[in-house]
């Protein structure tokens, strides 16, 4: 019999997996291939150090070349292997996708000449 904790872990893994796959499928060419490559089980030796470096680069985003974009990417890579990061990162991906959809909708309305809020 599966415990509640294991059930919650399994549910968060499925949600994260589904959102990660959607994002990798919609990402532009090389970035999408990179995300798919990083999902491979044998890529863990690359994924964990790269995720830590991205998080560190995101923390030091005030320096030139480094940016805040590195922080969510690093956390997303780490969430593949670290259980407690999966649920928050799946939620973040869902919110980010919603925000991008709203932004695209507003831009298309603006380009069509419609006033905002209609």
N, C-alpha and C. Protein backbone atom coordinates (compact mmCIF):
# COMPACT_ATOMS: atom_id res chain seq x y z
N UNK A 1 0.84 -1.18 0.00
CA UNK A 1 0.00 0.00 0.00
C UNK A 1 0.88 1.24 0.00
N UNK A 2 0.52 2.21 -0.80
CA UNK A 2 1.32 3.42 -0.95
C UNK A 2 0.94 4.42 0.15
N UNK A 3 1.95 4.97 0.80
CA UNK A 3 1.67 5.96 1.85
C UNK A 3 1.26 7.29 1.21
N UNK A 4 0.68 8.15 2.04
CA UNK A 4 0.26 9.46 1.55
C UNK A 4 1.43 10.26 1.03
N UNK A 5 2.57 10.16 1.74
CA UNK A 5 3.76 10.90 1.31
C UNK A 5 4.21 10.44 -0.07
N UNK A 6 4.24 9.13 -0.31
CA UNK A 6 4.64 8.61 -1.62
C UNK A 6 3.65 9.01 -2.70
N UNK A 7 2.37 9.03 -2.37
CA UNK A 7 1.35 9.43 -3.33
C UNK A 7 1.53 10.89 -3.73
N UNK A 8 1.82 11.73 -2.74
CA UNK A 8 2.04 13.15 -3.01
C UNK A 8 3.29 13.33 -3.87
N UNK A 9 4.35 12.59 -3.55
CA UNK A 9 5.57 12.66 -4.35
C UNK A 9 5.31 12.25 -5.79
N UNK A 10 4.56 11.17 -5.98
CA UNK A 10 4.26 10.68 -7.31
C UNK A 10 3.43 11.71 -8.09
N UNK A 11 2.46 12.32 -7.42
CA UNK A 11 1.62 13.33 -8.06
C UNK A 11 2.45 14.55 -8.46
N UNK A 12 3.34 14.99 -7.56
CA UNK A 12 4.17 16.16 -7.89
C UNK A 12 5.13 15.82 -9.03
N UNK A 13 5.64 14.57 -9.08
CA UNK A 13 6.54 14.19 -10.17
C UNK A 13 5.78 14.19 -11.50
N UNK A 14 4.56 13.65 -11.51
CA UNK A 14 3.77 13.62 -12.75
C UNK A 14 3.47 15.03 -13.24
N UNK A 15 3.10 15.92 -12.31
CA UNK A 15 2.79 17.30 -12.70
C UNK A 15 4.04 18.00 -13.23
N UNK A 16 5.16 17.83 -12.52
CA UNK A 16 6.41 18.45 -12.98
C UNK A 16 6.81 17.89 -14.34
N UNK A 17 6.72 16.58 -14.49
CA UNK A 17 7.09 15.93 -15.75
C UNK A 17 6.24 16.46 -16.90
N UNK A 18 4.92 16.56 -16.67
CA UNK A 18 4.00 17.06 -17.70
C UNK A 18 4.33 18.50 -18.08
N UNK A 19 4.55 19.37 -17.10
CA UNK A 19 4.84 20.78 -17.38
C UNK A 19 6.21 20.95 -18.04
N UNK A 20 7.19 20.18 -17.58
CA UNK A 20 8.54 20.25 -18.17
C UNK A 20 8.48 19.81 -19.64
N UNK A 21 7.75 18.73 -19.91
CA UNK A 21 7.65 18.24 -21.29
C UNK A 21 6.96 19.26 -22.19
N UNK A 22 5.89 19.87 -21.70
CA UNK A 22 5.20 20.91 -22.49
C UNK A 22 6.14 22.07 -22.79
N UNK A 23 6.90 22.49 -21.77
CA UNK A 23 7.79 23.62 -21.96
C UNK A 23 8.91 23.25 -22.95
N UNK A 24 9.46 22.05 -22.83
CA UNK A 24 10.52 21.63 -23.74
C UNK A 24 9.99 21.53 -25.17
N UNK A 25 8.75 21.12 -25.34
CA UNK A 25 8.16 21.01 -26.67
C UNK A 25 7.88 22.36 -27.31
N UNK A 26 7.58 23.36 -26.50
CA UNK A 26 7.27 24.70 -27.03
C UNK A 26 8.51 25.59 -27.15
N UNK A 27 9.61 25.19 -26.53
CA UNK A 27 10.83 26.01 -26.53
C UNK A 27 11.44 26.04 -27.94
N UNK A 28 12.10 27.15 -28.27
CA UNK A 28 12.76 27.24 -29.57
C UNK A 28 13.84 26.16 -29.72
N UNK A 29 14.08 25.73 -30.95
CA UNK A 29 14.98 24.66 -31.34
C UNK A 29 16.07 24.22 -30.38
N UNK A 30 17.20 24.93 -30.32
CA UNK A 30 18.32 24.45 -29.51
C UNK A 30 18.00 24.39 -28.01
N UNK A 31 17.20 25.35 -27.52
CA UNK A 31 16.86 25.34 -26.09
C UNK A 31 15.97 24.15 -25.76
N UNK A 32 15.01 23.85 -26.63
CA UNK A 32 14.15 22.69 -26.43
C UNK A 32 14.94 21.38 -26.44
N UNK A 33 15.89 21.27 -27.38
CA UNK A 33 16.73 20.07 -27.43
C UNK A 33 17.59 19.95 -26.18
N UNK A 34 18.08 21.10 -25.67
CA UNK A 34 18.87 21.10 -24.44
C UNK A 34 18.03 20.59 -23.27
N UNK A 35 16.79 21.06 -23.16
CA UNK A 35 15.91 20.62 -22.07
C UNK A 35 15.62 19.13 -22.16
N UNK A 36 15.39 18.63 -23.38
CA UNK A 36 15.14 17.20 -23.56
C UNK A 36 16.40 16.40 -23.22
N UNK A 37 17.55 16.86 -23.65
CA UNK A 37 18.83 16.21 -23.35
C UNK A 37 19.06 16.12 -21.84
N UNK A 38 18.72 17.19 -21.14
CA UNK A 38 18.96 17.22 -19.69
C UNK A 38 18.02 16.30 -18.91
N UNK A 39 16.96 15.82 -19.52
CA UNK A 39 16.03 14.91 -18.85
C UNK A 39 16.55 13.49 -18.80
N UNK A 40 17.53 13.16 -19.60
CA UNK A 40 18.04 11.79 -19.65
C UNK A 40 18.65 11.41 -18.30
N UNK A 41 18.40 10.16 -17.84
CA UNK A 41 18.93 9.75 -16.53
C UNK A 41 20.45 9.86 -16.43
N UNK A 42 21.16 9.55 -17.50
CA UNK A 42 22.62 9.60 -17.45
C UNK A 42 23.15 11.02 -17.44
N UNK A 43 22.32 12.01 -17.69
CA UNK A 43 22.76 13.41 -17.70
C UNK A 43 22.84 14.00 -16.30
N UNK A 44 22.55 13.20 -15.27
CA UNK A 44 22.57 13.70 -13.90
C UNK A 44 23.95 14.26 -13.53
N UNK A 45 25.00 13.66 -14.04
CA UNK A 45 26.36 14.13 -13.74
C UNK A 45 26.63 15.52 -14.30
N UNK A 46 25.89 15.90 -15.32
CA UNK A 46 26.00 17.24 -15.90
C UNK A 46 24.94 18.15 -15.30
N UNK A 47 23.74 17.61 -15.12
CA UNK A 47 22.57 18.39 -14.70
C UNK A 47 22.74 19.03 -13.33
N UNK A 48 23.22 18.30 -12.35
CA UNK A 48 23.32 18.84 -10.99
C UNK A 48 24.36 19.96 -10.90
N UNK A 49 25.60 19.75 -11.37
CA UNK A 49 26.54 20.88 -11.32
C UNK A 49 26.09 22.08 -12.14
N UNK A 50 25.48 21.83 -13.30
CA UNK A 50 25.00 22.92 -14.14
C UNK A 50 23.87 23.68 -13.44
N UNK A 51 22.97 22.94 -12.79
CA UNK A 51 21.88 23.58 -12.05
C UNK A 51 22.41 24.44 -10.92
N UNK A 52 23.40 23.94 -10.18
CA UNK A 52 24.01 24.72 -9.09
C UNK A 52 24.69 25.96 -9.64
N UNK A 53 25.37 25.83 -10.78
CA UNK A 53 26.03 27.00 -11.37
C UNK A 53 25.01 28.04 -11.84
N UNK A 54 23.89 27.59 -12.43
CA UNK A 54 22.85 28.52 -12.85
C UNK A 54 22.23 29.24 -11.65
N UNK A 55 21.99 28.52 -10.57
CA UNK A 55 21.43 29.15 -9.36
C UNK A 55 22.42 30.19 -8.83
N UNK A 56 23.70 29.83 -8.75
CA UNK A 56 24.71 30.78 -8.28
C UNK A 56 24.79 31.99 -9.22
N UNK A 57 24.73 31.76 -10.52
CA UNK A 57 24.74 32.87 -11.48
C UNK A 57 23.52 33.75 -11.33
N UNK A 58 22.38 33.17 -11.01
CA UNK A 58 21.16 33.95 -10.79
C UNK A 58 21.25 34.80 -9.54
N UNK A 59 21.90 34.26 -8.51
CA UNK A 59 22.08 35.02 -7.27
C UNK A 59 22.98 36.23 -7.52
N UNK A 60 24.00 36.06 -8.36
CA UNK A 60 24.92 37.16 -8.67
C UNK A 60 24.51 37.86 -9.97
N UNK A 61 23.21 38.06 -10.15
CA UNK A 61 22.70 38.63 -11.40
C UNK A 61 23.05 40.10 -11.56
N UNK A 62 23.55 40.74 -10.52
CA UNK A 62 23.94 42.15 -10.64
C UNK A 62 25.22 42.30 -11.44
N UNK A 63 25.95 41.21 -11.65
CA UNK A 63 27.18 41.26 -12.44
C UNK A 63 26.85 41.19 -13.93
N UNK A 64 27.73 41.75 -14.77
CA UNK A 64 27.48 41.67 -16.22
C UNK A 64 27.47 40.21 -16.68
N UNK A 65 26.75 39.90 -17.71
CA UNK A 65 26.60 38.59 -18.35
C UNK A 65 25.65 37.68 -17.57
N UNK A 66 25.74 37.68 -16.25
CA UNK A 66 24.85 36.84 -15.45
C UNK A 66 23.50 37.54 -15.33
N UNK A 67 22.46 36.76 -15.23
CA UNK A 67 21.13 37.37 -15.15
C UNK A 67 20.20 36.58 -14.27
N UNK A 68 19.10 37.21 -13.91
CA UNK A 68 18.11 36.57 -13.05
C UNK A 68 17.46 35.39 -13.76
N UNK A 69 17.52 35.33 -15.09
CA UNK A 69 16.96 34.21 -15.85
C UNK A 69 17.63 32.89 -15.48
N UNK A 70 18.85 32.96 -14.96
CA UNK A 70 19.59 31.75 -14.63
C UNK A 70 19.01 31.04 -13.40
N UNK A 71 18.40 31.79 -12.50
CA UNK A 71 17.88 31.21 -11.26
C UNK A 71 16.75 30.21 -11.51
N UNK A 72 15.67 30.55 -12.22
CA UNK A 72 14.63 29.55 -12.44
C UNK A 72 15.09 28.37 -13.29
N UNK A 73 15.98 28.62 -14.25
CA UNK A 73 16.48 27.52 -15.07
C UNK A 73 17.29 26.55 -14.22
N UNK A 74 18.14 27.07 -13.34
CA UNK A 74 18.92 26.21 -12.45
C UNK A 74 18.04 25.43 -11.50
N UNK A 75 17.01 26.08 -10.94
CA UNK A 75 16.09 25.37 -10.04
C UNK A 75 15.30 24.31 -10.79
N UNK A 76 14.95 24.58 -12.04
CA UNK A 76 14.22 23.60 -12.83
C UNK A 76 15.09 22.37 -13.10
N UNK A 77 16.35 22.58 -13.40
CA UNK A 77 17.26 21.45 -13.62
C UNK A 77 17.46 20.65 -12.34
N UNK A 78 17.59 21.34 -11.22
CA UNK A 78 17.77 20.65 -9.95
C UNK A 78 16.51 19.91 -9.53
N UNK A 79 15.33 20.41 -9.91
CA UNK A 79 14.07 19.77 -9.52
C UNK A 79 13.91 18.39 -10.14
N UNK A 80 14.61 18.11 -11.20
CA UNK A 80 14.55 16.77 -11.79
C UNK A 80 15.07 15.74 -10.79
N UNK A 81 16.07 16.11 -10.00
CA UNK A 81 16.69 15.17 -9.07
C UNK A 81 16.33 15.41 -7.61
N UNK A 82 15.89 16.60 -7.25
CA UNK A 82 15.60 16.93 -5.86
C UNK A 82 14.09 16.97 -5.67
N UNK A 83 13.59 16.04 -4.86
CA UNK A 83 12.15 15.81 -4.73
C UNK A 83 11.39 17.05 -4.25
N UNK A 84 11.87 17.74 -3.22
CA UNK A 84 11.10 18.84 -2.64
C UNK A 84 11.04 20.07 -3.53
N UNK A 85 11.79 20.12 -4.62
CA UNK A 85 11.71 21.25 -5.56
C UNK A 85 10.69 21.01 -6.67
N UNK A 86 10.23 19.78 -6.84
CA UNK A 86 9.36 19.46 -7.98
C UNK A 86 8.03 20.19 -7.94
N UNK A 87 7.33 20.13 -6.81
CA UNK A 87 6.00 20.76 -6.73
C UNK A 87 6.08 22.27 -6.92
N UNK A 88 6.99 22.98 -6.23
CA UNK A 88 7.06 24.43 -6.47
C UNK A 88 7.46 24.80 -7.90
N UNK A 89 8.35 24.02 -8.50
CA UNK A 89 8.76 24.34 -9.87
C UNK A 89 7.65 24.04 -10.87
N UNK A 90 6.87 22.98 -10.63
CA UNK A 90 5.72 22.70 -11.51
C UNK A 90 4.72 23.86 -11.43
N UNK A 91 4.47 24.35 -10.21
CA UNK A 91 3.57 25.49 -10.05
C UNK A 91 4.12 26.74 -10.73
N UNK A 92 5.43 26.95 -10.63
CA UNK A 92 6.05 28.10 -11.27
C UNK A 92 5.92 28.02 -12.79
N UNK A 93 6.11 26.83 -13.35
CA UNK A 93 5.98 26.67 -14.80
C UNK A 93 4.55 26.96 -15.23
N UNK A 94 3.56 26.48 -14.47
CA UNK A 94 2.16 26.74 -14.80
C UNK A 94 1.88 28.24 -14.78
N UNK A 95 2.34 28.93 -13.72
CA UNK A 95 2.11 30.38 -13.64
C UNK A 95 2.84 31.13 -14.75
N UNK A 96 4.05 30.70 -15.08
CA UNK A 96 4.81 31.35 -16.14
C UNK A 96 4.12 31.17 -17.49
N UNK A 97 3.60 29.97 -17.76
CA UNK A 97 2.89 29.74 -19.01
C UNK A 97 1.63 30.60 -19.09
N UNK A 98 0.91 30.74 -17.97
CA UNK A 98 -0.28 31.60 -17.95
C UNK A 98 0.08 33.06 -18.17
N UNK A 99 1.15 33.51 -17.54
CA UNK A 99 1.59 34.89 -17.70
C UNK A 99 1.98 35.16 -19.16
N UNK A 100 2.70 34.23 -19.77
CA UNK A 100 3.09 34.40 -21.17
C UNK A 100 1.87 34.42 -22.10
N UNK A 101 0.89 33.55 -21.83
CA UNK A 101 -0.33 33.53 -22.65
C UNK A 101 -1.07 34.86 -22.54
N UNK A 102 -1.20 35.40 -21.32
CA UNK A 102 -1.86 36.70 -21.14
C UNK A 102 -1.09 37.81 -21.85
N UNK A 103 0.21 37.75 -21.76
CA UNK A 103 1.03 38.77 -22.41
C UNK A 103 0.87 38.73 -23.93
N UNK A 104 0.86 37.52 -24.50
CA UNK A 104 0.66 37.39 -25.95
C UNK A 104 -0.73 37.90 -26.35
N UNK A 105 -1.74 37.59 -25.54
CA UNK A 105 -3.10 38.04 -25.83
C UNK A 105 -3.18 39.56 -25.81
N UNK A 106 -2.55 40.19 -24.80
CA UNK A 106 -2.56 41.66 -24.73
C UNK A 106 -1.83 42.27 -25.91
N UNK A 107 -0.70 41.67 -26.28
CA UNK A 107 0.05 42.20 -27.42
C UNK A 107 -0.74 42.09 -28.72
N UNK A 108 -1.44 40.98 -28.91
CA UNK A 108 -2.22 40.82 -30.15
C UNK A 108 -3.39 41.81 -30.17
N UNK A 109 -4.00 42.07 -29.03
CA UNK A 109 -5.06 43.08 -28.97
C UNK A 109 -4.51 44.46 -29.29
N UNK A 110 -3.34 44.74 -28.73
CA UNK A 110 -2.72 46.05 -28.97
C UNK A 110 -2.38 46.22 -30.45
N UNK A 111 -1.86 45.16 -31.04
CA UNK A 111 -1.50 45.23 -32.47
C UNK A 111 -2.73 45.37 -33.33
N UNK A 112 -3.86 44.83 -32.89
CA UNK A 112 -5.10 44.93 -33.66
C UNK A 112 -5.78 46.27 -33.46
N UNK A 113 -5.29 47.08 -32.52
CA UNK A 113 -5.84 48.40 -32.29
C UNK A 113 -7.01 48.42 -31.31
N UNK A 114 -7.23 47.33 -30.60
CA UNK A 114 -8.30 47.30 -29.60
C UNK A 114 -7.81 47.89 -28.29
N UNK A 115 -8.66 48.62 -27.59
CA UNK A 115 -8.25 49.17 -26.30
C UNK A 115 -8.09 48.05 -25.28
N UNK A 116 -7.19 48.22 -24.30
CA UNK A 116 -7.00 47.19 -23.29
C UNK A 116 -8.26 46.98 -22.47
N UNK A 117 -8.50 45.74 -22.07
CA UNK A 117 -9.63 45.43 -21.23
C UNK A 117 -10.91 45.12 -21.98
N UNK A 118 -10.83 45.02 -23.32
CA UNK A 118 -12.05 44.69 -24.07
C UNK A 118 -11.97 43.29 -24.61
